[in-house]
């Protein structure tokens, strides 16, 4: 898959080295997820993208490359050091430093709307982030969520009461059953959830 469909260019290849030099975690999305995000954003015709969780900017770059010349990608990152590394990714990218919940509230109060979301921030707040994405969604917006299998099948074990796993089980249930969205899980990376917000 990576050899045929998700070959990395020099910019994407450089990100793990940059993370290592700064002692930052090596938890960027894999190339095939990056390529899928790019295609989803491109196919959807997204012009305003909101990402939660920037890290080194791997996914941000993939998303920004899908934008038309007039498009804009906003990415929210809690860790200021991570944000500094990701800064100046592209003139179409704005890195917002701060708590995602607070920043989402600010965006909502400003009347902002987005037509593509990528949620890859702290897992315990995934349900809240999904709800806020729906409320900030333009008609027919697409929402993508990473790590819904959470590095293994333990998320499927309902006897495992790890709060993160319990939260991800809840999010999967919401994606599958919420009448405001149409959703599917893609078996790539650590399970990528995708949803289309139904137009009102």
C-alpha atoms as a PDB file:
ATOM      1  CA  UNK A   1       0.000   0.000   0.000  1.00  0.00           C
ATOM      2  CA  UNK A   2       2.736   2.457   0.933  1.00  0.00           C
ATOM      3  CA  UNK A   3       4.887   1.568  -2.067  1.00  0.00           C
ATOM      4  CA  UNK A   4       2.094   1.956  -4.603  1.00  0.00           C
ATOM      5  CA  UNK A   5      -0.245   4.557  -3.128  1.00  0.00           C
ATOM      6  CA  UNK A   6       1.386   6.438  -0.243  1.00  0.00           C
ATOM      7  CA  UNK A   7       4.972   7.211  -1.128  1.00  0.00           C
ATOM      8  CA  UNK A   8       6.344  10.022   1.017  1.00  0.00           C
ATOM      9  CA  UNK A   9       8.174  13.017  -0.397  1.00  0.00           C
ATOM     10  CA  UNK A  10      11.204  14.546   1.325  1.00  0.00           C
ATOM     11  CA  UNK A  11       9.104  16.913   3.429  1.00  0.00           C
ATOM     12  CA  UNK A  12       7.026  14.125   4.967  1.00  0.00           C
ATOM     13  CA  UNK A  13      10.076  11.882   5.371  1.00  0.00           C
ATOM     14  CA  UNK A  14      11.825  14.611   7.365  1.00  0.00           C
ATOM     15  CA  UNK A  15       9.174  14.876  10.076  1.00  0.00           C
ATOM     16  CA  UNK A  16      10.183  11.786  12.128  1.00  0.00           C
ATOM     17  CA  UNK A  17      13.776  13.030  12.214  1.00  0.00           C
ATOM     18  CA  UNK A  18      12.645  16.453  13.384  1.00  0.00           C
ATOM     19  CA  UNK A  19      10.530  14.871  16.112  1.00  0.00           C
ATOM     20  CA  UNK A  20      13.435  12.689  17.247  1.00  0.00           C
ATOM     21  CA  UNK A  21      15.817  15.659  17.427  1.00  0.00           C
ATOM     22  CA  UNK A  22      13.405  17.434  19.765  1.00  0.00           C
ATOM     23  CA  UNK A  23      12.510  14.417  21.881  1.00  0.00           C
ATOM     24  CA  UNK A  24       8.919  14.559  20.704  1.00  0.00           C
ATOM     25  CA  UNK A  25       6.752  11.418  20.497  1.00  0.00           C
ATOM     26  CA  UNK A  26       6.792   9.432  17.254  1.00  0.00           C
ATOM     27  CA  UNK A  27       3.028   9.212  16.934  1.00  0.00           C
ATOM     28  CA  UNK A  28       2.404  10.831  13.561  1.00  0.00           C
ATOM     29  CA  UNK A  29      -0.195   9.172  11.373  1.00  0.00           C
ATOM     30  CA  UNK A  30       1.200   6.547   8.966  1.00  0.00           C
ATOM     31  CA  UNK A  31       1.591   7.435   5.278  1.00  0.00           C
ATOM     32  CA  UNK A  32      -1.507   5.537   4.168  1.00  0.00           C
ATOM     33  CA  UNK A  33      -3.686   7.504   6.600  1.00  0.00           C
ATOM     34  CA  UNK A  34      -2.117  10.736   5.403  1.00  0.00           C
ATOM     35  CA  UNK A  35      -2.880   9.834   1.800  1.00  0.00           C
ATOM     36  CA  UNK A  36      -6.448   8.900   2.717  1.00  0.00           C
ATOM     37  CA  UNK A  37      -7.001  12.202   4.508  1.00  0.00           C
ATOM     38  CA  UNK A  38      -5.638  14.043   1.497  1.00  0.00           C
ATOM     39  CA  UNK A  39      -8.007  12.211  -0.834  1.00  0.00           C
ATOM     40  CA  UNK A  40     -11.039  12.634   1.427  1.00  0.00           C
ATOM     41  CA  UNK A  41     -10.416  16.365   1.727  1.00  0.00           C
ATOM     42  CA  UNK A  42      -9.764  16.661  -2.008  1.00  0.00           C
ATOM     43  CA  UNK A  43     -12.826  14.648  -3.038  1.00  0.00           C
ATOM     44  CA  UNK A  44     -15.070  16.553  -0.629  1.00  0.00           C
ATOM     45  CA  UNK A  45     -13.954  19.873  -2.103  1.00  0.00           C
ATOM     46  CA  UNK A  46     -12.993  21.180   1.329  1.00  0.00           C
ATOM     47  CA  UNK A  47     -11.946  24.824   1.527  1.00  0.00           C
ATOM     48  CA  UNK A  48     -11.901  25.246   5.322  1.00  0.00           C
ATOM     49  CA  UNK A  49     -10.288  22.483   7.363  1.00  0.00           C
ATOM     50  CA  UNK A  50     -10.019  22.203  11.150  1.00  0.00           C
ATOM     51  CA  UNK A  51      -7.576  19.759  12.729  1.00  0.00           C
ATOM     52  CA  UNK A  52      -7.348  18.903  16.426  1.00  0.00           C
ATOM     53  CA  UNK A  53      -3.864  17.705  17.375  1.00  0.00           C
ATOM     54  CA  UNK A  54      -0.944  18.963  15.288  1.00  0.00           C
ATOM     55  CA  UNK A  55       2.200  17.328  16.748  1.00  0.00           C
ATOM     56  CA  UNK A  56       4.833  17.666  13.988  1.00  0.00           C
ATOM     57  CA  UNK A  57       2.363  18.599  11.289  1.00  0.00           C
ATOM     58  CA  UNK A  58       2.397  15.401   9.203  1.00  0.00           C
ATOM     59  CA  UNK A  59      -1.375  15.217   8.874  1.00  0.00           C
ATOM     60  CA  UNK A  60      -1.575  19.008   8.602  1.00  0.00           C
ATOM     61  CA  UNK A  61       0.633  18.955   5.520  1.00  0.00           C
ATOM     62  CA  UNK A  62      -1.451  16.193   3.940  1.00  0.00           C
ATOM     63  CA  UNK A  63      -4.654  18.134   4.559  1.00  0.00           C
ATOM     64  CA  UNK A  64      -3.289  21.492   3.410  1.00  0.00           C
ATOM     65  CA  UNK A  65      -2.122  19.966   0.136  1.00  0.00           C
ATOM     66  CA  UNK A  66      -5.732  19.057  -0.644  1.00  0.00           C
ATOM     67  CA  UNK A  67      -6.901  22.669  -0.419  1.00  0.00           C
ATOM     68  CA  UNK A  68      -7.509  24.969  -3.362  1.00  0.00           C
ATOM     69  CA  UNK A  69      -5.336  28.095  -3.476  1.00  0.00           C
ATOM     70  CA  UNK A  70      -7.976  30.074  -1.597  1.00  0.00           C
ATOM     71  CA  UNK A  71      -8.478  27.424   1.105  1.00  0.00           C
ATOM     72  CA  UNK A  72      -7.377  27.517   4.726  1.00  0.00           C
ATOM     73  CA  UNK A  73      -6.380  24.872   7.290  1.00  0.00           C
ATOM     74  CA  UNK A  74      -6.567  25.629  11.003  1.00  0.00           C
ATOM     75  CA  UNK A  75      -4.849  23.237  13.397  1.00  0.00           C
ATOM     76  CA  UNK A  76      -5.119  23.312  17.195  1.00  0.00           C
ATOM     77  CA  UNK A  77      -2.193  22.125  19.332  1.00  0.00           C
ATOM     78  CA  UNK A  78      -2.012  22.184  23.128  1.00  0.00           C
ATOM     79  CA  UNK A  79       1.777  21.816  23.420  1.00  0.00           C
ATOM     80  CA  UNK A  80       3.562  25.050  22.534  1.00  0.00           C
ATOM     81  CA  UNK A  81       6.803  23.226  21.667  1.00  0.00           C
ATOM     82  CA  UNK A  82       4.975  20.995  19.209  1.00  0.00           C
ATOM     83  CA  UNK A  83       3.284  24.048  17.718  1.00  0.00           C
ATOM     84  CA  UNK A  84       6.647  25.798  17.241  1.00  0.00           C
ATOM     85  CA  UNK A  85       7.976  22.798  15.327  1.00  0.00           C
ATOM     86  CA  UNK A  86       4.875  22.690  13.138  1.00  0.00           C
ATOM     87  CA  UNK A  87       4.743  26.442  12.564  1.00  0.00           C
ATOM     88  CA  UNK A  88       5.413  27.841   9.095  1.00  0.00           C
ATOM     89  CA  UNK A  89       4.207  24.617   7.486  1.00  0.00           C
ATOM     90  CA  UNK A  90       2.407  26.420   4.714  1.00  0.00           C
ATOM     91  CA  UNK A  91       0.943  29.869   4.178  1.00  0.00           C
ATOM     92  CA  UNK A  92      -2.502  28.267   4.089  1.00  0.00           C
ATOM     93  CA  UNK A  93      -2.038  26.794   7.588  1.00  0.00           C
ATOM     94  CA  UNK A  94      -2.758  28.598  10.854  1.00  0.00           C
ATOM     95  CA  UNK A  95      -1.507  26.906  14.029  1.00  0.00           C
ATOM     96  CA  UNK A  96      -3.612  27.749  17.091  1.00  0.00           C
ATOM     97  CA  UNK A  97      -1.917  27.069  20.431  1.00  0.00           C
ATOM     98  CA  UNK A  98      -4.169  26.183  23.327  1.00  0.00           C
ATOM     99  CA  UNK A  99      -6.679  23.798  24.828  1.00  0.00           C
ATOM    100  CA  UNK A 100      -8.841  22.342  22.070  1.00  0.00           C
ATOM    101  CA  UNK A 101     -12.095  22.587  24.029  1.00  0.00           C
ATOM    102  CA  UNK A 102     -11.557  26.271  24.751  1.00  0.00           C
ATOM    103  CA  UNK A 103     -10.461  27.033  21.205  1.00  0.00           C
ATOM    104  CA  UNK A 104     -13.493  25.229  19.785  1.00  0.00           C
ATOM    105  CA  UNK A 105     -15.708  27.373  21.977  1.00  0.00           C
ATOM    106  CA  UNK A 106     -14.015  30.517  20.669  1.00  0.00           C
ATOM    107  CA  UNK A 107     -14.502  29.362  17.075  1.00  0.00           C
ATOM    108  CA  UNK A 108     -18.167  28.616  17.757  1.00  0.00           C
ATOM    109  CA  UNK A 109     -18.738  32.040  19.330  1.00  0.00           C
ATOM    110  CA  UNK A 110     -17.118  33.616  16.265  1.00  0.00           C
ATOM    111  CA  UNK A 111     -19.588  31.843  13.990  1.00  0.00           C
ATOM    112  CA  UNK A 112     -16.890  29.844  12.219  1.00  0.00           C
ATOM    113  CA  UNK A 113     -17.841  26.912  10.000  1.00  0.00           C
ATOM    114  CA  UNK A 114     -15.671  24.197   8.480  1.00  0.00           C
ATOM    115  CA  UNK A 115     -16.236  21.577   5.820  1.00  0.00           C
ATOM    116  CA  UNK A 116     -13.557  19.082   6.890  1.00  0.00           C
ATOM    117  CA  UNK A 117     -12.389  18.017  10.350  1.00  0.00           C
ATOM    118  CA  UNK A 118      -9.585  15.726  11.478  1.00  0.00           C
ATOM    119  CA  UNK A 119      -9.721  14.757  15.162  1.00  0.00           C
ATOM    120  CA  UNK A 120      -6.479  13.297  16.507  1.00  0.00           C
ATOM    121  CA  UNK A 121      -6.106  14.929  19.917  1.00  0.00           C
ATOM    122  CA  UNK A 122      -6.536  13.570  23.446  1.00  0.00           C
ATOM    123  CA  UNK A 123      -8.728  10.476  23.340  1.00  0.00           C
ATOM    124  CA  UNK A 124     -10.711  11.071  26.579  1.00  0.00           C
ATOM    125  CA  UNK A 125     -12.317  14.108  24.932  1.00  0.00           C
ATOM    126  CA  UNK A 126     -13.109  12.465  21.577  1.00  0.00           C
ATOM    127  CA  UNK A 127     -16.850  12.446  22.244  1.00  0.00           C
ATOM    128  CA  UNK A 128     -16.805  16.155  23.070  1.00  0.00           C
ATOM    129  CA  UNK A 129     -14.708  16.949  20.003  1.00  0.00           C
ATOM    130  CA  UNK A 130     -17.071  15.000  17.771  1.00  0.00           C
ATOM    131  CA  UNK A 131     -20.052  16.900  19.144  1.00  0.00           C
ATOM    132  CA  UNK A 132     -18.320  20.245  18.639  1.00  0.00           C
ATOM    133  CA  UNK A 133     -17.298  19.286  15.101  1.00  0.00           C
ATOM    134  CA  UNK A 134     -20.919  18.532  14.239  1.00  0.00           C
ATOM    135  CA  UNK A 135     -21.969  21.899  15.646  1.00  0.00           C
ATOM    136  CA  UNK A 136     -19.237  23.708  13.661  1.00  0.00           C
ATOM    137  CA  UNK A 137     -19.909  21.803  10.461  1.00  0.00           C
ATOM    138  CA  UNK A 138     -20.909  23.397   7.205  1.00  0.00           C
ATOM    139  CA  UNK A 139     -23.557  21.436   5.263  1.00  0.00           C
ATOM    140  CA  UNK A 140     -22.248  18.022   4.172  1.00  0.00           C
ATOM    141  CA  UNK A 141     -18.983  18.440   6.085  1.00  0.00           C
ATOM    142  CA  UNK A 142     -16.698  15.435   6.551  1.00  0.00           C
ATOM    143  CA  UNK A 143     -15.295  14.411   9.942  1.00  0.00           C
ATOM    144  CA  UNK A 144     -12.340  12.025  10.242  1.00  0.00           C
ATOM    145  CA  UNK A 145     -11.203  10.544  13.582  1.00  0.00           C
ATOM    146  CA  UNK A 146      -8.008   8.580  14.159  1.00  0.00           C
ATOM    147  CA  UNK A 147      -7.116   5.723  16.551  1.00  0.00           C
ATOM    148  CA  UNK A 148     -10.629   4.354  16.979  1.00  0.00           C
ATOM    149  CA  UNK A 149      -9.214   0.866  17.508  1.00  0.00           C
ATOM    150  CA  UNK A 150      -6.559   2.318  19.831  1.00  0.00           C
ATOM    151  CA  UNK A 151      -3.546   0.196  18.949  1.00  0.00           C
ATOM    152  CA  UNK A 152      -5.230  -3.193  19.215  1.00  0.00           C
ATOM    153  CA  UNK A 153      -8.427  -5.125  19.780  1.00  0.00           C
ATOM    154  CA  UNK A 154      -8.670  -4.270  23.490  1.00  0.00           C
ATOM    155  CA  UNK A 155     -11.139  -1.518  22.616  1.00  0.00           C
ATOM    156  CA  UNK A 156     -13.538  -4.312  21.612  1.00  0.00           C
ATOM    157  CA  UNK A 157     -13.296  -5.967  25.046  1.00  0.00           C
ATOM    158  CA  UNK A 158     -16.151  -4.509  27.046  1.00  0.00           C
ATOM    159  CA  UNK A 159     -14.792  -6.075  30.234  1.00  0.00           C
ATOM    160  CA  UNK A 160     -11.751  -3.790  29.965  1.00  0.00           C
ATOM    161  CA  UNK A 161     -12.735  -0.708  31.956  1.00  0.00           C
ATOM    162  CA  UNK A 162      -9.802   1.464  30.909  1.00  0.00           C
ATOM    163  CA  UNK A 163     -11.492   4.903  30.626  1.00  0.00           C
ATOM    164  CA  UNK A 164      -9.862   5.654  27.258  1.00  0.00           C
ATOM    165  CA  UNK A 165     -11.103   2.372  25.802  1.00  0.00           C
ATOM    166  CA  UNK A 166     -14.559   2.964  27.242  1.00  0.00           C
ATOM    167  CA  UNK A 167     -14.606   6.423  25.672  1.00  0.00           C
ATOM    168  CA  UNK A 168     -13.577   5.087  22.262  1.00  0.00           C
ATOM    169  CA  UNK A 169     -16.281   2.405  22.435  1.00  0.00           C
ATOM    170  CA  UNK A 170     -18.765   5.198  23.102  1.00  0.00           C
ATOM    171  CA  UNK A 171     -17.442   7.249  20.174  1.00  0.00           C
ATOM    172  CA  UNK A 172     -17.716   4.263  17.838  1.00  0.00           C
ATOM    173  CA  UNK A 173     -21.312   3.778  18.952  1.00  0.00           C
ATOM    174  CA  UNK A 174     -22.054   7.452  18.305  1.00  0.00           C
ATOM    175  CA  UNK A 175     -20.500   7.339  14.847  1.00  0.00           C
ATOM    176  CA  UNK A 176     -22.586   4.297  14.000  1.00  0.00           C
ATOM    177  CA  UNK A 177     -25.908   5.474  15.436  1.00  0.00           C
ATOM    178  CA  UNK A 178     -26.113   9.275  15.558  1.00  0.00           C
ATOM    179  CA  UNK A 179     -28.880  10.322  13.117  1.00  0.00           C
ATOM    180  CA  UNK A 180     -27.059  13.554  12.227  1.00  0.00           C
ATOM    181  CA  UNK A 181     -24.201  11.750  10.486  1.00  0.00           C
ATOM    182  CA  UNK A 182     -23.459   8.873   8.105  1.00  0.00           C
ATOM    183  CA  UNK A 183     -20.308   7.009   9.059  1.00  0.00           C
ATOM    184  CA  UNK A 184     -17.898   4.156   8.408  1.00  0.00           C
ATOM    185  CA  UNK A 185     -14.634   2.791   9.811  1.00  0.00           C
ATOM    186  CA  UNK A 186     -11.733   2.334   7.419  1.00  0.00           C
ATOM    187  CA  UNK A 187      -9.323  -0.495   8.346  1.00  0.00           C
ATOM    188  CA  UNK A 188      -6.139   1.478   7.780  1.00  0.00           C
ATOM    189  CA  UNK A 189      -3.634   2.688  10.343  1.00  0.00           C
ATOM    190  CA  UNK A 190      -5.216   2.366  13.766  1.00  0.00           C
ATOM    191  CA  UNK A 191      -8.741   2.468  12.343  1.00  0.00           C
ATOM    192  CA  UNK A 192      -9.878   5.720  10.772  1.00  0.00           C
ATOM    193  CA  UNK A 193     -13.459   6.768  11.348  1.00  0.00           C
ATOM    194  CA  UNK A 194     -15.101   8.915   8.705  1.00  0.00           C
ATOM    195  CA  UNK A 195     -18.475  10.631   8.872  1.00  0.00           C
ATOM    196  CA  UNK A 196     -20.494  12.926   6.650  1.00  0.00           C
ATOM    197  CA  UNK A 197     -22.682  15.439   8.416  1.00  0.00           C
ATOM    198  CA  UNK A 198     -26.161  15.357   6.952  1.00  0.00           C
ATOM    199  CA  UNK A 199     -27.386  18.647   5.507  1.00  0.00           C
ATOM    200  CA  UNK A 200     -30.355  20.110   7.360  1.00  0.00           C
END
